[in-house]
Amino acid sequence: MKISKKNIQACLTKDGSLIRELMHPDMNGSINLSFAEAEIEPGQATDLHRHVLSEEIYHVSRGEGMMTLGTERFPIHPGDTICIYPGTPHRVENSGNEPLQILCCCAPPYSHSDTEIL
């Protein structure tokens, strides 16, 4: 199944990031995971949060920022990939001058009900 990004409306997640669900069981063909593109504007950040069930993989495709992952805090740049285990507090801040874009894969699929703001 092919999905075109231009046909997908952006929405705000519970943690405050603007995402486009590129693939999600509620919308199109996936069954056990979701795949989205998140965008965070310069100077903005997501809320510190965790997911009870979902494991996430973030892949930075554009921009730069700072990642909080559990007790660690480190810079992120295009080409970086981060694994976020269920229950791990995390947050992304845009520390650059252009939008920070991150591809996000979640299994099981992303849901607001699985997101706990800390």
PDB file of N, CA and C in Angstrom:
ATOM      1  N   MET A   1       0.844  -1.181   0.000  1.00  0.00           N
ATOM      2  CA  MET A   1       0.000   0.000   0.000  1.00  0.00           C
ATOM      3  C   MET A   1       0.888   1.242   0.000  1.00  0.00           C
ATOM      4  N   LYS A   2       0.605   2.175  -0.879  1.00  0.00           N
ATOM      5  CA  LYS A   2       1.353   3.428  -0.965  1.00  0.00           C
ATOM      6  C   LYS A   2       0.512   4.560  -0.385  1.00  0.00           C
ATOM      7  N   ILE A   3       1.147   5.367   0.456  1.00  0.00           N
ATOM      8  CA  ILE A   3       0.495   6.524   1.069  1.00  0.00           C
ATOM      9  C   ILE A   3       1.309   7.761   0.701  1.00  0.00           C
ATOM     10  N   SER A   4       0.651   8.837   0.329  1.00  0.00           N
ATOM     11  CA  SER A   4       1.338  10.083   0.001  1.00  0.00           C
ATOM     12  C   SER A   4       1.221  11.073   1.157  1.00  0.00           C
ATOM     13  N   LYS A   5       2.356  11.579   1.612  1.00  0.00           N
ATOM     14  CA  LYS A   5       2.384  12.536   2.722  1.00  0.00           C
ATOM     15  C   LYS A   5       1.506  13.757   2.451  1.00  0.00           C
ATOM     16  N   LYS A   6       1.443  14.192   1.193  1.00  0.00           N
ATOM     17  CA  LYS A   6       0.683  15.403   0.871  1.00  0.00           C
ATOM     18  C   LYS A   6      -0.814  15.250   1.134  1.00  0.00           C
ATOM     19  N   ASN A   7      -1.298  14.014   1.262  1.00  0.00           N
ATOM     20  CA  ASN A   7      -2.717  13.775   1.519  1.00  0.00           C
ATOM     21  C   ASN A   7      -3.041  13.600   3.000  1.00  0.00           C
ATOM     22  N   ILE A   8      -2.040  13.766   3.866  1.00  0.00           N
ATOM     23  CA  ILE A   8      -2.236  13.511   5.293  1.00  0.00           C
ATOM     24  C   ILE A   8      -2.209  14.820   6.077  1.00  0.00           C
ATOM     25  N   GLN A   9      -3.262  15.066   6.834  1.00  0.00           N
ATOM     26  CA  GLN A   9      -3.337  16.257   7.675  1.00  0.00           C
ATOM     27  C   GLN A   9      -2.458  16.081   8.912  1.00  0.00           C
ATOM     28  N   ALA A  10      -1.781  17.118   9.311  1.00  0.00           N
ATOM     29  CA  ALA A  10      -0.988  17.093  10.536  1.00  0.00           C
ATOM     30  C   ALA A  10      -1.927  17.206  11.733  1.00  0.00           C
ATOM     31  N   CYS A  11      -1.530  16.575  12.843  1.00  0.00           N
ATOM     32  CA  CYS A  11      -2.316  16.671  14.073  1.00  0.00           C
ATOM     33  C   CYS A  11      -1.363  16.830  15.252  1.00  0.00           C
ATOM     34  N   LEU A  12      -1.880  17.346  16.342  1.00  0.00           N
ATOM     35  CA  LEU A  12      -1.101  17.568  17.548  1.00  0.00           C
ATOM     36  C   LEU A  12      -1.244  16.356  18.464  1.00  0.00           C
ATOM     37  N   THR A  13      -0.106  15.804  18.925  1.00  0.00           N
ATOM     38  CA  THR A  13      -0.155  14.666  19.833  1.00  0.00           C
ATOM     39  C   THR A  13      -0.289  15.146  21.273  1.00  0.00           C
ATOM     40  N   LYS A  14      -0.514  14.230  22.161  1.00  0.00           N
ATOM     41  CA  LYS A  14      -0.678  14.543  23.579  1.00  0.00           C
ATOM     42  C   LYS A  14       0.579  15.187  24.167  1.00  0.00           C
ATOM     43  N   ASP A  15       1.776  14.838  23.615  1.00  0.00           N
ATOM     44  CA  ASP A  15       3.034  15.394  24.133  1.00  0.00           C
ATOM     45  C   ASP A  15       3.393  16.745  23.529  1.00  0.00           C
ATOM     46  N   GLY A  16       2.571  17.240  22.607  1.00  0.00           N
ATOM     47  CA  GLY A  16       2.783  18.568  22.048  1.00  0.00           C
ATOM     48  C   GLY A  16       3.529  18.628  20.733  1.00  0.00           C
ATOM     49  N   SER A  17       3.784  17.482  20.099  1.00  0.00           N
ATOM     50  CA  SER A  17       4.455  17.520  18.795  1.00  0.00           C
ATOM     51  C   SER A  17       3.420  17.478  17.676  1.00  0.00           C
ATOM     52  N   LEU A  18       3.768  18.101  16.564  1.00  0.00           N
ATOM     53  CA  LEU A  18       2.922  18.098  15.379  1.00  0.00           C
ATOM     54  C   LEU A  18       3.353  16.921  14.523  1.00  0.00           C
ATOM     55  N   ILE A  19       2.433  15.986  14.256  1.00  0.00           N
ATOM     56  CA  ILE A  19       2.805  14.796  13.495  1.00  0.00           C
ATOM     57  C   ILE A  19       1.879  14.567  12.303  1.00  0.00           C
ATOM     58  N   ARG A  20       2.407  13.815  11.367  1.00  0.00           N
ATOM     59  CA  ARG A  20       1.619  13.261  10.269  1.00  0.00           C
ATOM     60  C   ARG A  20       1.735  11.750  10.394  1.00  0.00           C
ATOM     61  N   GLU A  21       0.621  11.084  10.630  1.00  0.00           N
ATOM     62  CA  GLU A  21       0.611   9.622  10.715  1.00  0.00           C
ATOM     63  C   GLU A  21       0.711   9.077   9.289  1.00  0.00           C
ATOM     64  N   LEU A  22       1.893   8.669   8.892  1.00  0.00           N
ATOM     65  CA  LEU A  22       2.113   8.166   7.543  1.00  0.00           C
ATOM     66  C   LEU A  22       1.534   6.766   7.368  1.00  0.00           C
ATOM     67  N   MET A  23       1.510   6.004   8.453  1.00  0.00           N
ATOM     68  CA  MET A  23       0.918   4.667   8.435  1.00  0.00           C
ATOM     69  C   MET A  23       0.428   4.367   9.839  1.00  0.00           C
ATOM     70  N   HIS A  24      -0.844   3.984   9.941  1.00  0.00           N
ATOM     71  CA  HIS A  24      -1.445   3.688  11.251  1.00  0.00           C
ATOM     72  C   HIS A  24      -2.653   2.780  11.019  1.00  0.00           C
ATOM     73  N   PRO A  25      -2.869   1.783  11.876  1.00  0.00           N
ATOM     74  CA  PRO A  25      -3.999   0.881  11.691  1.00  0.00           C
ATOM     75  C   PRO A  25      -5.356   1.581  11.604  1.00  0.00           C
ATOM     76  N   ASP A  26      -5.515   2.694  12.301  1.00  0.00           N
ATOM     77  CA  ASP A  26      -6.789   3.416  12.269  1.00  0.00           C
ATOM     78  C   ASP A  26      -7.028   4.127  10.940  1.00  0.00           C
ATOM     79  N   MET A  27      -5.986   4.269  10.124  1.00  0.00           N
ATOM     80  CA  MET A  27      -6.097   5.063   8.891  1.00  0.00           C
ATOM     81  C   MET A  27      -5.870   4.258   7.622  1.00  0.00           C
ATOM     82  N   ASN A  28      -4.929   3.335   7.651  1.00  0.00           N
ATOM     83  CA  ASN A  28      -4.569   2.611   6.441  1.00  0.00           C
ATOM     84  C   ASN A  28      -3.988   1.247   6.798  1.00  0.00           C
ATOM     85  N   GLY A  29      -3.196   0.645   5.977  1.00  0.00           N
ATOM     86  CA  GLY A  29      -2.889  -0.769   6.011  1.00  0.00           C
ATOM     87  C   GLY A  29      -2.083  -1.420   7.116  1.00  0.00           C
ATOM     88  N   SER A  30      -1.422  -0.704   8.009  1.00  0.00           N
ATOM     89  CA  SER A  30      -0.586  -1.388   8.995  1.00  0.00           C
ATOM     90  C   SER A  30      -1.441  -2.107  10.040  1.00  0.00           C
ATOM     91  N   ILE A  31      -0.826  -3.086  10.705  1.00  0.00           N
ATOM     92  CA  ILE A  31      -1.555  -3.863  11.713  1.00  0.00           C
ATOM     93  C   ILE A  31      -0.953  -3.680  13.100  1.00  0.00           C
ATOM     94  N   ASN A  32       0.371  -3.836  13.229  1.00  0.00           N
ATOM     95  CA  ASN A  32       1.009  -3.884  14.539  1.00  0.00           C
ATOM     96  C   ASN A  32       1.898  -2.704  14.875  1.00  0.00           C
ATOM     97  N   LEU A  33       1.989  -1.723  13.989  1.00  0.00           N
ATOM     98  CA  LEU A  33       2.855  -0.585  14.253  1.00  0.00           C
ATOM     99  C   LEU A  33       2.312   0.657  13.565  1.00  0.00           C
ATOM    100  N   SER A  34       2.874   1.789  13.965  1.00  0.00           N
ATOM    101  CA  SER A  34       2.550   3.046  13.295  1.00  0.00           C
ATOM    102  C   SER A  34       3.858   3.721  12.895  1.00  0.00           C
ATOM    103  N   PHE A  35       3.768   4.580  11.884  1.00  0.00           N
ATOM    104  CA  PHE A  35       4.935   5.282  11.361  1.00  0.00           C
ATOM    105  C   PHE A  35       4.507   6.711  11.086  1.00  0.00           C
ATOM    106  N   ALA A  36       5.225   7.673  11.678  1.00  0.00           N
ATOM    107  CA  ALA A  36       4.812   9.070  11.574  1.00  0.00           C
ATOM    108  C   ALA A  36       6.025   9.965  11.373  1.00  0.00           C
ATOM    109  N   GLU A  37       5.739  11.172  10.913  1.00  0.00           N
ATOM    110  CA  GLU A  37       6.763  12.209  10.823  1.00  0.00           C
ATOM    111  C   GLU A  37       6.367  13.302  11.793  1.00  0.00           C
ATOM    112  N   ALA A  38       7.267  13.607  12.720  1.00  0.00           N
ATOM    113  CA  ALA A  38       7.026  14.662  13.709  1.00  0.00           C
ATOM    114  C   ALA A  38       7.842  15.885  13.332  1.00  0.00           C
ATOM    115  N   GLU A  39       7.291  17.063  13.613  1.00  0.00           N
ATOM    116  CA  GLU A  39       8.013  18.300  13.345  1.00  0.00           C
ATOM    117  C   GLU A  39       7.920  19.192  14.578  1.00  0.00           C
ATOM    118  N   ILE A  40       9.083  19.679  14.998  1.00  0.00           N
ATOM    119  CA  ILE A  40       9.163  20.565  16.164  1.00  0.00           C
ATOM    120  C   ILE A  40       9.843  21.848  15.716  1.00  0.00           C
ATOM    121  N   GLU A  41       9.203  22.963  15.937  1.00  0.00           N
ATOM    122  CA  GLU A  41       9.715  24.260  15.488  1.00  0.00           C
ATOM    123  C   GLU A  41      10.898  24.717  16.348  1.00  0.00           C
ATOM    124  N   PRO A  42      11.746  25.599  15.818  1.00  0.00           N
ATOM    125  CA  PRO A  42      12.884  26.121  16.587  1.00  0.00           C
ATOM    126  C   PRO A  42      12.428  26.698  17.931  1.00  0.00           C
ATOM    127  N   GLY A  43      13.172  26.364  18.979  1.00  0.00           N
ATOM    128  CA  GLY A  43      12.851  26.859  20.315  1.00  0.00           C
ATOM    129  C   GLY A  43      11.738  26.106  21.022  1.00  0.00           C
ATOM    130  N   GLN A  44      11.112  25.149  20.348  1.00  0.00           N
ATOM    131  CA  GLN A  44      10.005  24.397  20.945  1.00  0.00           C
ATOM    132  C   GLN A  44      10.491  23.026  21.421  1.00  0.00           C
ATOM    133  N   ALA A  45       9.676  22.372  22.238  1.00  0.00           N
ATOM    134  CA  ALA A  45      10.008  21.047  22.765  1.00  0.00           C
ATOM    135  C   ALA A  45       8.723  20.263  23.014  1.00  0.00           C
ATOM    136  N   THR A  46       8.848  18.952  23.018  1.00  0.00           N
ATOM    137  CA  THR A  46       7.726  18.117  23.434  1.00  0.00           C
ATOM    138  C   THR A  46       7.716  18.080  24.963  1.00  0.00           C
ATOM    139  N   ASP A  47       6.589  17.720  25.535  1.00  0.00           N
ATOM    140  CA  ASP A  47       6.511  17.519  26.978  1.00  0.00           C
ATOM    141  C   ASP A  47       7.242  16.231  27.335  1.00  0.00           C
ATOM    142  N   LEU A  48       7.849  16.184  28.505  1.00  0.00           N
ATOM    143  CA  LEU A  48       8.438  14.951  28.989  1.00  0.00           C
ATOM    144  C   LEU A  48       7.301  13.951  29.172  1.00  0.00           C
ATOM    145  N   HIS A  49       7.459  12.776  28.593  1.00  0.00           N
ATOM    146  CA  HIS A  49       6.387  11.784  28.622  1.00  0.00           C
ATOM    147  C   HIS A  49       6.963  10.378  28.495  1.00  0.00           C
ATOM    148  N   ARG A  50       6.080   9.396  28.633  1.00  0.00           N
ATOM    149  CA  ARG A  50       6.457   8.003  28.402  1.00  0.00           C
ATOM    150  C   ARG A  50       5.242   7.262  27.863  1.00  0.00           C
ATOM    151  N   HIS A  51       5.534   6.108  27.283  1.00  0.00           N
ATOM    152  CA  HIS A  51       4.481   5.234  26.771  1.00  0.00           C
ATOM    153  C   HIS A  51       4.534   3.938  27.562  1.00  0.00           C
ATOM    154  N   VAL A  52       3.412   3.509  28.049  1.00  0.00           N
ATOM    155  CA  VAL A  52       3.345   2.312  28.877  1.00  0.00           C
ATOM    156  C   VAL A  52       3.631   1.067  28.037  1.00  0.00           C
ATOM    157  N   LEU A  53       3.054   0.984  26.845  1.00  0.00           N
ATOM    158  CA  LEU A  53       3.161  -0.213  26.012  1.00  0.00           C
ATOM    159  C   LEU A  53       4.094  -0.065  24.818  1.00  0.00           C
ATOM    160  N   SER A  54       4.100   1.087  24.193  1.00  0.00           N
ATOM    161  CA  SER A  54       4.802   1.238  22.917  1.00  0.00           C
ATOM    162  C   SER A  54       6.310   1.388  23.054  1.00  0.00           C
ATOM    163  N   GLU A  55       7.016   0.670  22.194  1.00  0.00           N
ATOM    164  CA  GLU A  55       8.434   0.896  21.965  1.00  0.00           C
ATOM    165  C   GLU A  55       8.508   1.817  20.756  1.00  0.00           C
ATOM    166  N   GLU A  56       9.385   2.808  20.814  1.00  0.00           N
ATOM    167  CA  GLU A  56       9.503   3.757  19.707  1.00  0.00           C
ATOM    168  C   GLU A  56      10.910   3.757  19.135  1.00  0.00           C
ATOM    169  N   ILE A  57      10.989   4.044  17.867  1.00  0.00           N
ATOM    170  CA  ILE A  57      12.266   4.324  17.220  1.00  0.00           C
ATOM    171  C   ILE A  57      12.126   5.694  16.586  1.00  0.00           C
ATOM    172  N   TYR A  58      13.051   6.600  16.928  1.00  0.00           N
ATOM    173  CA  TYR A  58      13.109   7.930  16.315  1.00  0.00           C
ATOM    174  C   TYR A  58      14.288   7.943  15.346  1.00  0.00           C
ATOM    175  N   HIS A  59      14.077   8.524  14.182  1.00  0.00           N
ATOM    176  CA  HIS A  59      15.166   8.746  13.235  1.00  0.00           C
ATOM    177  C   HIS A  59      15.120  10.219  12.826  1.00  0.00           C
ATOM    178  N   VAL A  60      16.181  10.951  13.129  1.00  0.00           N
ATOM    179  CA  VAL A  60      16.237  12.381  12.823  1.00  0.00           C
ATOM    180  C   VAL A  60      16.526  12.550  11.331  1.00  0.00           C
ATOM    181  N   SER A  61      15.613  13.226  10.631  1.00  0.00           N
ATOM    182  CA  SER A  61      15.791  13.422   9.193  1.00  0.00           C
ATOM    183  C   SER A  61      16.188  14.855   8.832  1.00  0.00           C
ATOM    184  N   ARG A  62      15.948  15.805   9.748  1.00  0.00           N
ATOM    185  CA  ARG A  62      16.282  17.206   9.460  1.00  0.00           C
ATOM    186  C   ARG A  62      16.358  17.994  10.757  1.00  0.00           C
ATOM    187  N   GLY A  63      17.284  18.944  10.822  1.00  0.00           N
ATOM    188  CA  GLY A  63      17.395  19.818  11.986  1.00  0.00           C
ATOM    189  C   GLY A  63      18.304  19.246  13.056  1.00  0.00           C
ATOM    190  N   GLU A  64      18.312  19.917  14.181  1.00  0.00           N
ATOM    191  CA  GLU A  64      19.127  19.460  15.309  1.00  0.00           C
ATOM    192  C   GLU A  64      18.398  19.767  16.599  1.00  0.00           C
ATOM    193  N   GLY A  65      18.744  19.018  17.638  1.00  0.00           N
ATOM    194  CA  GLY A  65      18.063  19.226  18.892  1.00  0.00           C
ATOM    195  C   GLY A  65      18.749  18.518  20.035  1.00  0.00           C
ATOM    196  N   MET A  66      18.043  18.467  21.145  1.00  0.00           N
ATOM    197  CA  MET A  66      18.497  17.768  22.340  1.00  0.00           C
ATOM    198  C   MET A  66      17.442  16.729  22.699  1.00  0.00           C
ATOM    199  N   MET A  67      17.927  15.546  23.048  1.00  0.00           N
ATOM    200  CA  MET A  67      17.048  14.437  23.423  1.00  0.00           C
ATOM    201  C   MET A  67      17.252  14.133  24.890  1.00  0.00           C
ATOM    202  N   THR A  68      16.149  14.031  25.621  1.00  0.00           N
ATOM    203  CA  THR A  68      16.175  13.511  26.978  1.00  0.00           C
ATOM    204  C   THR A  68      15.622  12.101  26.886  1.00  0.00           C
ATOM    205  N   LEU A  69      16.400  11.134  27.375  1.00  0.00           N
ATOM    206  CA  LEU A  69      16.022   9.722  27.320  1.00  0.00           C
ATOM    207  C   LEU A  69      16.369   9.110  28.675  1.00  0.00           C
ATOM    208  N   GLY A  70      15.354   8.916  29.510  1.00  0.00           N
ATOM    209  CA  GLY A  70      15.602   8.457  30.869  1.00  0.00           C
ATOM    210  C   GLY A  70      16.406   9.517  31.609  1.00  0.00           C
ATOM    211  N   THR A  71      17.575   9.147  32.124  1.00  0.00           N
ATOM    212  CA  THR A  71      18.434  10.092  32.843  1.00  0.00           C
ATOM    213  C   THR A  71      19.499  10.711  31.940  1.00  0.00           C
ATOM    214  N   GLU A  72      19.529  10.318  30.659  1.00  0.00           N
ATOM    215  CA  GLU A  72      20.506  10.862  29.713  1.00  0.00           C
ATOM    216  C   GLU A  72      19.948  12.081  28.986  1.00  0.00           C
ATOM    217  N   ARG A  73      20.855  12.951  28.579  1.00  0.00           N
ATOM    218  CA  ARG A  73      20.503  14.103  27.744  1.00  0.00           C
ATOM    219  C   ARG A  73      21.643  14.258  26.744  1.00  0.00           C
ATOM    220  N   PHE A  74      21.311  14.298  25.432  1.00  0.00           N
ATOM    221  CA  PHE A  74      22.349  14.329  24.410  1.00  0.00           C
ATOM    222  C   PHE A  74      21.844  15.022  23.145  1.00  0.00           C
ATOM    223  N   PRO A  75      22.784  15.565  22.340  1.00  0.00           N
ATOM    224  CA  PRO A  75      22.393  16.219  21.089  1.00  0.00           C
ATOM    225  C   PRO A  75      21.979  15.193  20.037  1.00  0.00           C
ATOM    226  N   ILE A  76      21.051  15.595  19.166  1.00  0.00           N
ATOM    227  CA  ILE A  76      20.634  14.761  18.037  1.00  0.00           C
ATOM    228  C   ILE A  76      20.767  15.551  16.743  1.00  0.00           C
ATOM    229  N   HIS A  77      21.132  14.825  15.686  1.00  0.00           N
ATOM    230  CA  HIS A  77      21.397  15.423  14.372  1.00  0.00           C
ATOM    231  C   HIS A  77      20.846  14.503  13.276  1.00  0.00           C
ATOM    232  N   PRO A  78      20.696  15.008  12.040  1.00  0.00           N
ATOM    233  CA  PRO A  78      20.238  14.152  10.945  1.00  0.00           C
ATOM    234  C   PRO A  78      21.086  12.882  10.837  1.00  0.00           C
ATOM    235  N   GLY A  79      20.394  11.764  10.678  1.00  0.00           N
ATOM    236  CA  GLY A  79      21.042  10.469  10.583  1.00  0.00           C
ATOM    237  C   GLY A  79      21.077   9.705  11.885  1.00  0.00           C
ATOM    238  N   ASP A  80      20.779  10.376  13.017  1.00  0.00           N
ATOM    239  CA  ASP A  80      20.761   9.696  14.318  1.00  0.00           C
ATOM    240  C   ASP A  80      19.464   8.895  14.471  1.00  0.00           C
ATOM    241  N   THR A  81      19.585   7.715  15.074  1.00  0.00           N
ATOM    242  CA  THR A  81      18.438   6.857  15.353  1.00  0.00           C
ATOM    243  C   THR A  81      18.462   6.501  16.837  1.00  0.00           C
ATOM    244  N   ILE A  82      17.316   6.635  17.495  1.00  0.00           N
ATOM    245  CA  ILE A  82      17.213   6.431  18.934  1.00  0.00           C
ATOM    246  C   ILE A  82      16.116   5.414  19.221  1.00  0.00           C
ATOM    247  N   CYS A  83      16.418   4.429  20.061  1.00  0.00           N
ATOM    248  CA  CYS A  83      15.419   3.454  20.492  1.00  0.00           C
ATOM    249  C   CYS A  83      14.907   3.870  21.872  1.00  0.00           C
ATOM    250  N   ILE A  84      13.593   3.922  22.006  1.00  0.00           N
ATOM    251  CA  ILE A  84      12.956   4.330  23.259  1.00  0.00           C
ATOM    252  C   ILE A  84      12.111   3.162  23.755  1.00  0.00           C
ATOM    253  N   TYR A  85      12.542   2.550  24.853  1.00  0.00           N
ATOM    254  CA  TYR A  85      11.837   1.388  25.389  1.00  0.00           C
ATOM    255  C   TYR A  85      10.563   1.809  26.116  1.00  0.00           C
ATOM    256  N   PRO A  86       9.563   0.942  26.173  1.00  0.00           N
ATOM    257  CA  PRO A  86       8.336   1.264  26.902  1.00  0.00           C
ATOM    258  C   PRO A  86       8.654   1.688  28.335  1.00  0.00           C
ATOM    259  N   GLY A  87       7.947   2.700  28.812  1.00  0.00           N
ATOM    260  CA  GLY A  87       8.112   3.182  30.171  1.00  0.00           C
ATOM    261  C   GLY A  87       9.249   4.161  30.373  1.00  0.00           C
ATOM    262  N   THR A  88      10.040   4.446  29.325  1.00  0.00           N
ATOM    263  CA  THR A  88      11.185   5.345  29.451  1.00  0.00           C
ATOM    264  C   THR A  88      10.756   6.800  29.229  1.00  0.00           C
ATOM    265  N   PRO A  89      10.981   7.675  30.205  1.00  0.00           N
ATOM    266  CA  PRO A  89      10.672   9.091  30.004  1.00  0.00           C
ATOM    267  C   PRO A  89      11.535   9.655  28.865  1.00  0.00           C
ATOM    268  N   HIS A  90      10.911  10.467  28.005  1.00  0.00           N
ATOM    269  CA  HIS A  90      11.663  11.073  26.906  1.00  0.00           C
ATOM    270  C   HIS A  90      11.029  12.391  26.470  1.00  0.00           C
ATOM    271  N   ARG A  91      11.878  13.179  25.804  1.00  0.00           N
ATOM    272  CA  ARG A  91      11.479  14.507  25.343  1.00  0.00           C
ATOM    273  C   ARG A  91      12.466  14.945  24.274  1.00  0.00           C
ATOM    274  N   VAL A  92      11.995  15.729  23.312  1.00  0.00           N
ATOM    275  CA  VAL A  92      12.846  16.265  22.253  1.00  0.00           C
ATOM    276  C   VAL A  92      12.696  17.781  22.235  1.00  0.00           C
ATOM    277  N   GLU A  93      13.839  18.468  22.156  1.00  0.00           N
ATOM    278  CA  GLU A  93      13.854  19.926  22.052  1.00  0.00           C
ATOM    279  C   GLU A  93      14.538  20.315  20.752  1.00  0.00           C
ATOM    280  N   ASN A  94      14.009  21.307  20.067  1.00  0.00           N
ATOM    281  CA  ASN A  94      14.658  21.827  18.870  1.00  0.00           C
ATOM    282  C   ASN A  94      15.603  22.944  19.298  1.00  0.00           C
ATOM    283  N   SER A  95      16.907  22.708  19.122  1.00  0.00           N
ATOM    284  CA  SER A  95      17.911  23.712  19.496  1.00  0.00           C
ATOM    285  C   SER A  95      18.491  24.424  18.281  1.00  0.00           C
ATOM    286  N   GLY A  96      17.932  24.145  17.109  1.00  0.00           N
ATOM    287  CA  GLY A  96      18.450  24.733  15.875  1.00  0.00           C
ATOM    288  C   GLY A  96      17.615  25.891  15.378  1.00  0.00           C
ATOM    289  N   ASN A  97      17.887  26.289  14.129  1.00  0.00           N
ATOM    290  CA  ASN A  97      17.204  27.426  13.497  1.00  0.00           C
ATOM    291  C   ASN A  97      16.202  27.017  12.437  1.00  0.00           C
ATOM    292  N   GLU A  98      15.992  25.726  12.240  1.00  0.00           N
ATOM    293  CA  GLU A  98      15.023  25.224  11.269  1.00  0.00           C
ATOM    294  C   GLU A  98      14.175  24.149  11.942  1.00  0.00           C
ATOM    295  N   PRO A  99      13.048  23.784  11.343  1.00  0.00           N
ATOM    296  CA  PRO A  99      12.236  22.736  11.957  1.00  0.00           C
ATOM    297  C   PRO A  99      13.041  21.450  12.141  1.00  0.00           C
ATOM    298  N   LEU A 100      12.813  20.783  13.264  1.00  0.00           N
ATOM    299  CA  LEU A 100      13.408  19.482  13.552  1.00  0.00           C
ATOM    300  C   LEU A 100      12.398  18.430  13.109  1.00  0.00           C
ATOM    301  N   GLN A 101      12.798  17.574  12.165  1.00  0.00           N
ATOM    302  CA  GLN A 101      11.904  16.516  11.682  1.00  0.00           C
ATOM    303  C   GLN A 101      12.436  15.166  12.129  1.00  0.00           C
ATOM    304  N   ILE A 102      11.527  14.376  12.672  1.00  0.00           N
ATOM    305  CA  ILE A 102      11.872  13.053  13.176  1.00  0.00           C
ATOM    306  C   ILE A 102      10.857  12.053  12.646  1.00  0.00           C
ATOM    307  N   LEU A 103      11.358  10.956  12.090  1.00  0.00           N
ATOM    308  CA  LEU A 103      10.499   9.843  11.711  1.00  0.00           C
ATOM    309  C   LEU A 103      10.343   8.964  12.943  1.00  0.00           C
ATOM    310  N   CYS A 104       9.097   8.573  13.247  1.00  0.00           N
ATOM    311  CA  CYS A 104       8.797   7.834  14.473  1.00  0.00           C
ATOM    312  C   CYS A 104       8.051   6.544  14.145  1.00  0.00           C
ATOM    313  N   CYS A 105       8.585   5.445  14.607  1.00  0.00           N
ATOM    314  CA  CYS A 105       7.924   4.153  14.455  1.00  0.00           C
ATOM    315  C   CYS A 105       7.530   3.670  15.839  1.00  0.00           C
ATOM    316  N   CYS A 106       6.279   3.246  16.025  1.00  0.00           N
ATOM    317  CA  CYS A 106       5.779   2.775  17.318  1.00  0.00           C
ATOM    318  C   CYS A 106       5.161   1.389  17.172  1.00  0.00           C
ATOM    319  N   ALA A 107       5.506   0.508  18.096  1.00  0.00           N
ATOM    320  CA  ALA A 107       4.881  -0.809  18.143  1.00  0.00           C
ATOM    321  C   ALA A 107       4.635  -1.164  19.606  1.00  0.00           C
ATOM    322  N   PRO A 108       3.398  -1.430  20.022  1.00  0.00           N
ATOM    323  CA  PRO A 108       2.191  -1.291  19.230  1.00  0.00           C
ATOM    324  C   PRO A 108       1.982   0.148  18.774  1.00  0.00           C
ATOM    325  N   PRO A 109       1.032   0.370  17.856  1.00  0.00           N
ATOM    326  CA  PRO A 109       0.825   1.691  17.268  1.00  0.00           C
ATOM    327  C   PRO A 109       0.590   2.792  18.300  1.00  0.00           C
ATOM    328  N   TYR A 110       0.996   4.018  17.932  1.00  0.00           N
ATOM    329  CA  TYR A 110       0.800   5.190  18.788  1.00  0.00           C
ATOM    330  C   TYR A 110      -0.677   5.345  19.151  1.00  0.00           C
ATOM    331  N   SER A 111      -0.906   5.693  20.423  1.00  0.00           N
ATOM    332  CA  SER A 111      -2.251   6.097  20.851  1.00  0.00           C
ATOM    333  C   SER A 111      -2.111   7.119  21.976  1.00  0.00           C
ATOM    334  N   HIS A 112      -3.017   8.083  22.004  1.00  0.00           N
ATOM    335  CA  HIS A 112      -3.014   9.080  23.073  1.00  0.00           C
ATOM    336  C   HIS A 112      -3.160   8.410  24.444  1.00  0.00           C
ATOM    337  N   SER A 113      -3.934   7.338  24.501  1.00  0.00           N
ATOM    338  CA  SER A 113      -4.191   6.678  25.791  1.00  0.00           C
ATOM    339  C   SER A 113      -2.944   5.985  26.349  1.00  0.00           C
ATOM    340  N   ASP A 114      -1.948   5.703  25.489  1.00  0.00           N
ATOM    341  CA  ASP A 114      -0.703   5.062  25.938  1.00  0.00           C
ATOM    342  C   ASP A 114       0.370   6.112  26.286  1.00  0.00           C
ATOM    343  N   THR A 115       0.024   7.379  26.193  1.00  0.00           N
ATOM    344  CA  THR A 115       0.977   8.471  26.458  1.00  0.00           C
ATOM    345  C   THR A 115       0.694   9.082  27.824  1.00  0.00           C
ATOM    346  N   GLU A 116       1.704   9.060  28.686  1.00  0.00           N
ATOM    347  CA  GLU A 116       1.582   9.633  30.025  1.00  0.00           C
ATOM    348  C   GLU A 116       2.513  10.838  30.131  1.00  0.00           C
ATOM    349  N   ILE A 117       1.956  12.031  30.323  1.00  0.00           N
ATOM    350  CA  ILE A 117       2.748  13.250  30.500  1.00  0.00           C
ATOM    351  C   ILE A 117       3.304  13.247  31.917  1.00  0.00           C
ATOM    352  N   LEU A 118       4.598  13.553  32.028  1.00  0.00           N
ATOM    353  CA  LEU A 118       5.264  13.521  33.338  1.00  0.00           C
ATOM    354  C   LEU A 118       5.512  14.913  33.884  1.00  0.00           C
TER     355      LEU A 118
END
